[in-house]
Amino acid sequence: MTRWTHGLINRLVVLCDVTMIVLAAALSYSVWHFATWSQVAILCAFGAAVFTQILQLGRAYRVEHYSHSLRQIGHLIVGGVPASLLVAVFYYALVPIHTTNLPGLLAWGVMTGVALIFGRLVIVRLGMVQARRHEVLRRQVVLVGDVDRARAFALRCAEEDDESLFVFLGIFDDKPHDPQTADLTHPPVLGGLPDFLKFVQNHRVDVVAIVESWENPLKIGAIVEQLHRIAADVLVELDPDGFNLRFARVTSIAGQPALQVQQRPLKGSLGLLKALEDYSVAVIGLILVSPILLGAALAIKLDSPGPIFFRQPRVGLNNKVFTVFKLRTMTVDPSDDGSLGTTKFNPRITRVGGLLRRLSIDELPQLLNVLKGDMSVVGPRPHVPNMQVAEDVRYEAIREYVARYRMKPGITGWAQINGMRGGINTVEKAERGAKLDLFYIENWSIWFDIRIMLLTITKGMAGRDVF
């Protein structure tokens, strides 16, 4: 019997998308004849490949997305718009100019969009409802090893498992166990390892998690050896009290096995996608806000003496210091290195500067930093070197703070959308900001960036806590 996995469901959704694209192309061809059948087939294959690849890169093909209608429509827009533009360019390169049919091409695009939305909101949605009803998405898990560690592991899993996709059947410790004394506490102790080998003959087990201390690797190896005969995924819990192993995976270097405990963000094609996003938004943004920048520059000059732009060193990718550009909002003080931050009622803030800060207009010149490659549009906010909080240097007060430097800093970010704007004057605020930034780094996607940019425009450009 085939076991349904998240990977299988994701591939079925890809198949659904491709099917909708093909059906829309076939129907459009039969009505408008905007190209020959062979040309339509080539365009259709090209468009489907580009569309699905963009969604793959943006991590849109994930089971947790398929129950959210607006999120799915957003993914279709993110993948559909660039794919449609590329198909249009390819169309005029492929089809002789005297036989092109622009209305037919546009009709195909509209019909493809309708078909994709129908596929996601009707076919995929109904499929997910049936999958949940028959519990084909649920994974049945057995824990093998130390009972206390097993229960702690199950509790941590339950806290993270919002969709209730994992069911813990029970615990089998690594010692012989009397079935008459089985514990009824959840997950219950069902016996020893020999009992599990009998249990699996009559129960479906998808995942076996070994929960033993890494102080005794030979013991773990012996358990793994005995589980070789079981047709299930076998996992070994990594010590939660050590360093952060959330994204650990087994890999190799020069043929030698190793445990990778951290992965560079935005590797390969993901980095290219992020760069395209940054440069596109920065160029378009500078064109759109140039009248605002000119007006602000004139107001700054008329309001107080000093330069229009404010330049200051900030810490960026890999702890490299760069110069950030902002509109000047304060009177000039050469002795201020920025390490103490800014207070809300700082007397150095000018009248125009206060308005520029409240509306975040002073941040707009950082689009130049994006074009220089020092910053991204979205990312952790950059801070000055040796920024202090509660009389301590921030990276010394907060252990996770330096992990923010694994990605380029941004003009806006997940922390700012969640209220971390204005002064960061306590360790608690700084810790919350660091955790929000790390959440962004660990969960980055194009759709996440678009969501943050939209939230920045709709609610994040101004606020009571901005100064």
Foldseek 3Di string as FASTA:
>chain_A
DDADEQVVLLVVLLVLLLVLLVVLLVVLCVPPVQDDPVLSVVLSVQLSVQLVVQCVLQVVSGPVNLQPLVSQLLSCCSSLPVSLVVSVVVSPVPGDPVSGDVVSSVSSSVSSSVSSSCSRPPVSNVVVVVCVVVLSQAAEEEEEADPVQVVVVVVVVVVVCPVNRYDYCAYAYQDAADQVPWAPPVVIHRGHPVVVVVVVVPDPHAEYEYGDDPVCVVVVVVSVVVCPVPPYHYHYDDDPPDPQQPPWDWDADPNHIDIDRDDQFQPDPSVVVQLVVQLVCLVVLCVVCVVVLVVLQVVVVVFDDDHQWDWAWWQWAPRDIDIAIFGDQFDDDVVCNCQAPDDPVPVRGTPSSVVCQQQVVRLSVRSVVSVVVQAGQEAAAIGHPQRDAPNHRLCVLEVLQVVSNSHGHHSYYQLLLVPLAADDHHNVSSNVSSVRRVVCRVSPGPSVVVVRVVSCVPPRSGDDRTD
